[in-house]
Amino acid sequence: MENQKPVPGVGVMIFKDGKVLLGKRGGSYAVGEYTFPGGKIEYGESMEDTVRRETLEECGVVITNIRFQAVVNSIKYAPHHFISTVFLADWESGEPRTLEPEKLGDWQWYSLDDLPEPIFEFSKLAIESYKTGKHFFDIEK
């Protein structure tokens, strides 16, 4: 698409007691897919601050020990083109709750061996990265 540019964003795989937090997507695309918290980086905002802000805004959870996991460049949800940096973090406080029902909801902790389906592409690749150590996923041609 002419004049369309990739959008930079972040996602975060949050761990608590050996489980990860996933919510069900609403919004305009990938509706019904399960995803980690995340979103677009605001102008002048660090990636770590974005991860903290999005997690708090979307589900009311405070996180700690944020660390890099992977970079994903994808047009799976074309016409959207996202470049997402995925992080790992540990739960610090707060019970997950639906704070943006039009975008995300039904937050639950899941075992990596028993995940709901379908999983949002970026979350699926984050899980693959965590399990395999692969840290870069590019657009497949």
N, C-alpha and C. Protein backbone atom coordinates (compact mmCIF):
# COMPACT_ATOMS: atom_id res chain seq x y z
N MET A 1 0.84 -1.18 0.00
CA MET A 1 0.00 0.00 0.00
C MET A 1 0.88 1.25 0.00
N GLU A 2 0.61 2.13 -0.92
CA GLU A 2 1.37 3.36 -1.01
C GLU A 2 1.06 4.27 0.17
N ASN A 3 2.07 4.97 0.67
CA ASN A 3 1.95 5.90 1.81
C ASN A 3 1.69 5.22 3.15
N GLN A 4 1.64 3.92 3.20
CA GLN A 4 1.42 3.23 4.47
C GLN A 4 2.79 2.91 5.08
N LYS A 5 2.90 3.14 6.38
CA LYS A 5 4.17 2.90 7.04
C LYS A 5 3.99 1.90 8.17
N PRO A 6 5.06 1.15 8.49
CA PRO A 6 4.98 0.22 9.61
C PRO A 6 4.78 0.98 10.92
N VAL A 7 4.10 0.34 11.84
CA VAL A 7 3.83 0.92 13.15
C VAL A 7 4.67 0.18 14.19
N PRO A 8 5.49 0.92 14.97
CA PRO A 8 6.27 0.26 16.02
C PRO A 8 5.43 0.03 17.27
N GLY A 9 5.58 -1.14 17.84
CA GLY A 9 4.84 -1.46 19.05
C GLY A 9 5.61 -2.40 19.94
N VAL A 10 4.99 -2.75 21.05
CA VAL A 10 5.59 -3.69 22.00
C VAL A 10 4.53 -4.68 22.47
N GLY A 11 5.01 -5.81 22.96
CA GLY A 11 4.16 -6.79 23.62
C GLY A 11 4.94 -7.35 24.78
N VAL A 12 4.23 -7.90 25.77
CA VAL A 12 4.94 -8.41 26.94
C VAL A 12 4.30 -9.69 27.45
N MET A 13 5.14 -10.69 27.57
CA MET A 13 4.78 -12.00 28.10
C MET A 13 5.03 -11.93 29.61
N ILE A 14 3.96 -11.87 30.40
CA ILE A 14 4.09 -11.69 31.84
C ILE A 14 3.94 -13.04 32.53
N PHE A 15 4.89 -13.34 33.41
CA PHE A 15 4.88 -14.60 34.14
C PHE A 15 4.47 -14.41 35.60
N LYS A 16 3.63 -15.32 36.07
CA LYS A 16 3.25 -15.39 37.49
C LYS A 16 3.03 -16.86 37.82
N ASP A 17 3.77 -17.37 38.77
CA ASP A 17 3.62 -18.76 39.20
C ASP A 17 3.68 -19.75 38.04
N GLY A 18 4.58 -19.49 37.09
CA GLY A 18 4.77 -20.39 35.95
C GLY A 18 3.72 -20.28 34.86
N LYS A 19 2.83 -19.30 34.97
CA LYS A 19 1.79 -19.11 33.95
C LYS A 19 1.96 -17.75 33.29
N VAL A 20 1.33 -17.58 32.10
CA VAL A 20 1.38 -16.32 31.37
C VAL A 20 -0.02 -15.72 31.26
N LEU A 21 -0.05 -14.40 31.16
CA LEU A 21 -1.31 -13.67 31.10
C LEU A 21 -1.72 -13.43 29.65
N LEU A 22 -2.95 -13.84 29.32
CA LEU A 22 -3.51 -13.61 27.98
C LEU A 22 -4.91 -13.04 28.11
N GLY A 23 -5.25 -12.15 27.17
CA GLY A 23 -6.60 -11.60 27.08
C GLY A 23 -7.14 -11.80 25.69
N LYS A 24 -8.48 -11.72 25.56
CA LYS A 24 -9.12 -11.92 24.26
C LYS A 24 -9.31 -10.56 23.56
N ARG A 25 -8.86 -10.49 22.31
CA ARG A 25 -8.91 -9.26 21.54
C ARG A 25 -10.32 -8.90 21.08
N GLY A 26 -10.59 -7.61 21.13
CA GLY A 26 -11.75 -7.02 20.47
C GLY A 26 -11.18 -6.15 19.36
N GLY A 27 -11.77 -5.00 19.13
CA GLY A 27 -11.18 -4.05 18.19
C GLY A 27 -11.53 -4.33 16.74
N SER A 28 -10.61 -3.92 15.84
CA SER A 28 -10.91 -3.93 14.41
C SER A 28 -10.27 -5.07 13.62
N TYR A 29 -9.37 -5.82 14.22
CA TYR A 29 -8.76 -6.96 13.52
C TYR A 29 -8.34 -7.98 14.56
N ALA A 30 -8.18 -9.23 14.13
CA ALA A 30 -7.78 -10.34 15.01
C ALA A 30 -8.73 -10.49 16.20
N VAL A 31 -9.99 -10.14 16.00
CA VAL A 31 -11.00 -10.23 17.05
C VAL A 31 -11.16 -11.68 17.49
N GLY A 32 -11.16 -11.88 18.80
CA GLY A 32 -11.34 -13.22 19.35
C GLY A 32 -10.04 -13.98 19.55
N GLU A 33 -8.91 -13.42 19.10
CA GLU A 33 -7.62 -14.07 19.31
C GLU A 33 -7.07 -13.66 20.66
N TYR A 34 -6.34 -14.58 21.28
CA TYR A 34 -5.75 -14.32 22.60
C TYR A 34 -4.38 -13.70 22.45
N THR A 35 -4.11 -12.68 23.27
CA THR A 35 -2.88 -11.91 23.13
C THR A 35 -2.30 -11.51 24.48
N PHE A 36 -1.01 -11.22 24.47
CA PHE A 36 -0.36 -10.61 25.62
C PHE A 36 -0.66 -9.12 25.62
N PRO A 37 -0.50 -8.44 26.75
CA PRO A 37 -0.66 -6.98 26.74
C PRO A 37 0.38 -6.35 25.82
N GLY A 38 0.03 -5.19 25.28
CA GLY A 38 0.96 -4.47 24.42
C GLY A 38 0.26 -3.40 23.64
N GLY A 39 1.03 -2.69 22.83
CA GLY A 39 0.44 -1.65 22.01
C GLY A 39 1.49 -0.79 21.35
N LYS A 40 1.02 0.35 20.84
CA LYS A 40 1.87 1.26 20.09
C LYS A 40 2.71 2.12 21.02
N ILE A 41 3.92 2.41 20.56
CA ILE A 41 4.83 3.29 21.29
C ILE A 41 4.42 4.74 21.01
N GLU A 42 4.27 5.53 22.06
CA GLU A 42 3.95 6.95 21.89
C GLU A 42 5.24 7.73 21.65
N TYR A 43 5.11 8.88 21.00
CA TYR A 43 6.27 9.70 20.67
C TYR A 43 7.08 10.01 21.93
N GLY A 44 8.40 9.74 21.87
CA GLY A 44 9.29 10.05 22.96
C GLY A 44 9.27 9.07 24.12
N GLU A 45 8.48 8.02 24.00
CA GLU A 45 8.33 7.05 25.08
C GLU A 45 9.33 5.90 24.89
N SER A 46 9.95 5.46 25.98
CA SER A 46 10.84 4.30 25.88
C SER A 46 10.00 3.04 25.72
N MET A 47 10.61 1.98 25.21
CA MET A 47 9.89 0.72 25.06
C MET A 47 9.48 0.16 26.41
N GLU A 48 10.37 0.24 27.40
CA GLU A 48 10.02 -0.27 28.74
C GLU A 48 8.86 0.51 29.33
N ASP A 49 8.85 1.84 29.14
CA ASP A 49 7.72 2.63 29.64
C ASP A 49 6.43 2.26 28.91
N THR A 50 6.54 1.98 27.61
CA THR A 50 5.36 1.57 26.85
C THR A 50 4.81 0.25 27.40
N VAL A 51 5.69 -0.70 27.65
CA VAL A 51 5.27 -1.99 28.19
C VAL A 51 4.56 -1.80 29.54
N ARG A 52 5.15 -1.01 30.41
CA ARG A 52 4.53 -0.75 31.72
C ARG A 52 3.17 -0.06 31.58
N ARG A 53 3.11 0.99 30.73
CA ARG A 53 1.87 1.75 30.54
C ARG A 53 0.78 0.87 29.95
N GLU A 54 1.09 0.16 28.87
CA GLU A 54 0.07 -0.66 28.21
C GLU A 54 -0.46 -1.74 29.15
N THR A 55 0.42 -2.36 29.92
CA THR A 55 -0.01 -3.41 30.85
C THR A 55 -0.94 -2.84 31.91
N LEU A 56 -0.60 -1.69 32.44
CA LEU A 56 -1.44 -1.06 33.46
C LEU A 56 -2.77 -0.61 32.87
N GLU A 57 -2.74 0.01 31.67
CA GLU A 57 -3.96 0.50 31.03
C GLU A 57 -4.90 -0.63 30.62
N GLU A 58 -4.33 -1.71 30.10
CA GLU A 58 -5.16 -2.79 29.55
C GLU A 58 -5.71 -3.74 30.60
N CYS A 59 -4.91 -4.01 31.63
CA CYS A 59 -5.37 -5.04 32.58
C CYS A 59 -5.08 -4.74 34.04
N GLY A 60 -4.52 -3.57 34.36
CA GLY A 60 -4.32 -3.18 35.74
C GLY A 60 -3.23 -3.92 36.49
N VAL A 61 -2.29 -4.48 35.76
CA VAL A 61 -1.21 -5.27 36.37
C VAL A 61 0.09 -4.46 36.36
N VAL A 62 0.82 -4.52 37.46
CA VAL A 62 2.14 -3.90 37.56
C VAL A 62 3.19 -4.99 37.35
N ILE A 63 4.20 -4.68 36.53
CA ILE A 63 5.23 -5.68 36.19
C ILE A 63 6.61 -5.22 36.62
N THR A 64 7.52 -6.17 36.68
CA THR A 64 8.91 -5.92 37.06
C THR A 64 9.82 -6.81 36.23
N ASN A 65 11.12 -6.57 36.31
CA ASN A 65 12.12 -7.42 35.65
C ASN A 65 11.85 -7.55 34.15
N ILE A 66 11.67 -6.44 33.47
CA ILE A 66 11.40 -6.41 32.03
C ILE A 66 12.70 -6.72 31.28
N ARG A 67 12.60 -7.65 30.32
CA ARG A 67 13.78 -8.03 29.54
C ARG A 67 13.38 -8.38 28.10
N PHE A 68 14.30 -8.13 27.19
CA PHE A 68 14.07 -8.36 25.76
C PHE A 68 13.87 -9.84 25.45
N GLN A 69 12.95 -10.11 24.51
CA GLN A 69 12.76 -11.48 24.04
C GLN A 69 12.91 -11.60 22.52
N ALA A 70 12.22 -10.75 21.75
CA ALA A 70 12.25 -10.91 20.29
C ALA A 70 11.77 -9.65 19.57
N VAL A 71 12.06 -9.63 18.26
CA VAL A 71 11.51 -8.60 17.37
C VAL A 71 10.73 -9.33 16.28
N VAL A 72 9.52 -8.82 16.00
CA VAL A 72 8.66 -9.42 14.98
C VAL A 72 8.27 -8.34 13.97
N ASN A 73 8.52 -8.61 12.70
CA ASN A 73 8.12 -7.73 11.60
C ASN A 73 7.07 -8.50 10.81
N SER A 74 5.81 -8.01 10.83
CA SER A 74 4.74 -8.83 10.24
C SER A 74 3.66 -8.00 9.53
N ILE A 75 3.16 -8.58 8.44
CA ILE A 75 1.99 -8.03 7.75
C ILE A 75 0.86 -9.07 7.74
N LYS A 76 0.88 -9.97 8.70
CA LYS A 76 -0.16 -11.01 8.78
C LYS A 76 -1.56 -10.40 8.80
N TYR A 77 -1.69 -9.23 9.43
CA TYR A 77 -3.01 -8.59 9.55
C TYR A 77 -3.12 -7.40 8.59
N ALA A 78 -2.59 -7.57 7.35
CA ALA A 78 -2.63 -6.52 6.33
C ALA A 78 -4.07 -6.03 6.19
N PRO A 79 -4.22 -4.73 5.99
CA PRO A 79 -3.20 -3.76 5.57
C PRO A 79 -2.30 -3.24 6.70
N HIS A 80 -2.48 -3.72 7.91
CA HIS A 80 -1.61 -3.31 9.01
C HIS A 80 -0.23 -3.93 8.85
N HIS A 81 0.78 -3.14 9.16
CA HIS A 81 2.17 -3.61 9.16
C HIS A 81 2.78 -3.18 10.49
N PHE A 82 3.10 -4.15 11.32
CA PHE A 82 3.64 -3.86 12.64
C PHE A 82 5.05 -4.40 12.80
N ILE A 83 5.86 -3.64 13.50
CA ILE A 83 7.16 -4.11 13.97
C ILE A 83 7.05 -4.08 15.48
N SER A 84 7.03 -5.25 16.07
CA SER A 84 6.81 -5.35 17.51
C SER A 84 8.03 -5.92 18.21
N THR A 85 8.44 -5.21 19.25
CA THR A 85 9.49 -5.72 20.13
C THR A 85 8.79 -6.39 21.29
N VAL A 86 9.12 -7.65 21.51
CA VAL A 86 8.46 -8.45 22.54
C VAL A 86 9.39 -8.59 23.75
N PHE A 87 8.80 -8.42 24.91
CA PHE A 87 9.54 -8.51 26.16
C PHE A 87 8.97 -9.60 27.04
N LEU A 88 9.77 -10.01 28.01
CA LEU A 88 9.31 -10.86 29.10
C LEU A 88 9.28 -9.97 30.34
N ALA A 89 8.40 -10.29 31.29
CA ALA A 89 8.36 -9.56 32.55
C ALA A 89 7.76 -10.47 33.60
N ASP A 90 7.96 -10.09 34.84
CA ASP A 90 7.37 -10.81 35.96
C ASP A 90 6.26 -9.98 36.57
N TRP A 91 5.21 -10.66 37.00
CA TRP A 91 4.10 -10.01 37.68
C TRP A 91 4.60 -9.47 39.02
N GLU A 92 4.21 -8.24 39.34
CA GLU A 92 4.57 -7.66 40.63
C GLU A 92 3.34 -7.50 41.51
N SER A 93 2.25 -6.93 40.93
CA SER A 93 1.04 -6.74 41.72
C SER A 93 -0.16 -6.47 40.81
N GLY A 94 -1.33 -6.55 41.40
CA GLY A 94 -2.57 -6.27 40.68
C GLY A 94 -3.22 -7.54 40.15
N GLU A 95 -4.53 -7.59 40.28
CA GLU A 95 -5.30 -8.69 39.71
C GLU A 95 -5.76 -8.27 38.32
N PRO A 96 -5.54 -9.10 37.30
CA PRO A 96 -5.95 -8.73 35.94
C PRO A 96 -7.45 -8.48 35.86
N ARG A 97 -7.79 -7.37 35.22
CA ARG A 97 -9.20 -7.03 35.02
C ARG A 97 -9.38 -6.33 33.68
N THR A 98 -10.57 -6.36 33.17
CA THR A 98 -10.88 -5.76 31.87
C THR A 98 -11.06 -4.26 32.04
N LEU A 99 -10.10 -3.49 31.55
CA LEU A 99 -10.14 -2.03 31.67
C LEU A 99 -10.46 -1.34 30.35
N GLU A 100 -10.29 -2.04 29.24
CA GLU A 100 -10.61 -1.51 27.92
C GLU A 100 -11.47 -2.54 27.18
N PRO A 101 -12.73 -2.70 27.60
CA PRO A 101 -13.56 -3.79 27.05
C PRO A 101 -13.76 -3.74 25.54
N GLU A 102 -13.62 -2.56 24.92
CA GLU A 102 -13.76 -2.47 23.47
C GLU A 102 -12.53 -3.02 22.76
N LYS A 103 -11.39 -3.12 23.48
CA LYS A 103 -10.14 -3.59 22.87
C LYS A 103 -9.75 -4.99 23.34
N LEU A 104 -9.82 -5.23 24.65
CA LEU A 104 -9.32 -6.47 25.23
C LEU A 104 -10.10 -6.83 26.48
N GLY A 105 -10.18 -8.13 26.74
CA GLY A 105 -10.84 -8.54 27.97
C GLY A 105 -10.61 -10.00 28.28
N ASP A 106 -11.30 -10.47 29.29
CA ASP A 106 -11.24 -11.88 29.71
C ASP A 106 -9.81 -12.30 30.02
N TRP A 107 -9.10 -11.47 30.80
CA TRP A 107 -7.71 -11.77 31.17
C TRP A 107 -7.65 -12.98 32.09
N GLN A 108 -6.76 -13.92 31.75
CA GLN A 108 -6.57 -15.12 32.55
C GLN A 108 -5.11 -15.54 32.51
N TRP A 109 -4.69 -16.27 33.54
CA TRP A 109 -3.35 -16.86 33.58
C TRP A 109 -3.43 -18.26 32.99
N TYR A 110 -2.50 -18.58 32.08
CA TYR A 110 -2.51 -19.87 31.39
C TYR A 110 -1.14 -20.53 31.48
N SER A 111 -1.14 -21.84 31.59
CA SER A 111 0.08 -22.62 31.49
C SER A 111 0.52 -22.61 30.03
N LEU A 112 1.82 -22.56 29.78
CA LEU A 112 2.32 -22.62 28.40
C LEU A 112 1.98 -23.95 27.73
N ASP A 113 1.65 -24.95 28.52
CA ASP A 113 1.27 -26.26 27.98
C ASP A 113 -0.23 -26.38 27.74
N ASP A 114 -1.00 -25.35 28.08
CA ASP A 114 -2.46 -25.40 27.94
C ASP A 114 -3.00 -24.01 27.60
N LEU A 115 -2.65 -23.55 26.40
CA LEU A 115 -3.04 -22.21 25.96
C LEU A 115 -4.36 -22.23 25.21
N PRO A 116 -5.14 -21.14 25.31
CA PRO A 116 -6.39 -21.06 24.55
C PRO A 116 -6.09 -20.84 23.07
N GLU A 117 -7.04 -21.06 22.25
CA GLU A 117 -6.91 -20.83 20.81
C GLU A 117 -8.06 -19.93 20.34
N PRO A 118 -7.82 -19.17 19.29
CA PRO A 118 -6.57 -18.97 18.57
C PRO A 118 -5.69 -17.93 19.27
N ILE A 119 -4.39 -18.03 19.02
CA ILE A 119 -3.41 -17.10 19.60
C ILE A 119 -3.02 -16.06 18.56
N PHE A 120 -3.01 -14.80 18.96
CA PHE A 120 -2.58 -13.67 18.14
C PHE A 120 -1.16 -13.93 17.63
N GLU A 121 -0.90 -13.61 16.38
CA GLU A 121 0.38 -13.92 15.73
C GLU A 121 1.60 -13.47 16.54
N PHE A 122 1.59 -12.26 17.03
CA PHE A 122 2.75 -11.75 17.77
C PHE A 122 2.95 -12.52 19.07
N SER A 123 1.87 -12.90 19.71
CA SER A 123 1.97 -13.69 20.95
C SER A 123 2.45 -15.10 20.65
N LYS A 124 1.97 -15.66 19.55
CA LYS A 124 2.41 -17.00 19.14
C LYS A 124 3.92 -17.02 18.88
N LEU A 125 4.42 -15.98 18.20
CA LEU A 125 5.84 -15.91 17.91
C LEU A 125 6.66 -15.62 19.17
N ALA A 126 6.09 -14.87 20.11
CA ALA A 126 6.77 -14.63 21.39
C ALA A 126 6.95 -15.94 22.14
N ILE A 127 5.93 -16.77 22.12
CA ILE A 127 5.99 -18.08 22.78
C ILE A 127 7.05 -18.95 22.09
N GLU A 128 7.03 -18.94 20.76
CA GLU A 128 8.04 -19.70 20.01
C GLU A 128 9.44 -19.22 20.36
N SER A 129 9.62 -17.91 20.44
CA SER A 129 10.91 -17.34 20.79
C SER A 129 11.34 -17.80 22.18
N TYR A 130 10.42 -17.76 23.11
CA TYR A 130 10.72 -18.16 24.49
C TYR A 130 11.15 -19.63 24.55
N LYS A 131 10.47 -20.47 23.78
CA LYS A 131 10.76 -21.91 23.81
C LYS A 131 12.00 -22.30 23.01
N THR A 132 12.30 -21.56 21.93
CA THR A 132 13.39 -21.97 21.04
C THR A 132 14.64 -21.10 21.11
N GLY A 133 14.50 -19.88 21.63
CA GLY A 133 15.64 -18.97 21.65
C GLY A 133 15.80 -18.16 20.38
N LYS A 134 14.90 -18.34 19.40
CA LYS A 134 14.94 -17.53 18.19
C LYS A 134 14.45 -16.12 18.55
N HIS A 135 15.19 -15.08 18.14
CA HIS A 135 14.86 -13.73 18.57
C HIS A 135 14.44 -12.77 17.47
N PHE A 136 14.32 -13.27 16.22
CA PHE A 136 13.94 -12.38 15.12
C PHE A 136 13.02 -13.13 14.17
N PHE A 137 11.90 -12.49 13.88
CA PHE A 137 10.92 -13.05 12.95
C PHE A 137 10.61 -11.97 11.93
N ASP A 138 10.88 -12.25 10.65
CA ASP A 138 10.69 -11.27 9.59
C ASP A 138 9.52 -11.67 8.69
N ILE A 139 9.10 -10.74 7.87
CA ILE A 139 8.04 -11.01 6.90
C ILE A 139 8.50 -12.12 5.98
N GLU A 140 7.65 -13.11 5.81
CA GLU A 140 7.98 -14.21 4.89
C GLU A 140 7.53 -13.84 3.50
N LYS A 141 8.42 -14.04 2.55
CA LYS A 141 8.08 -13.69 1.15
C LYS A 141 7.89 -14.92 0.34
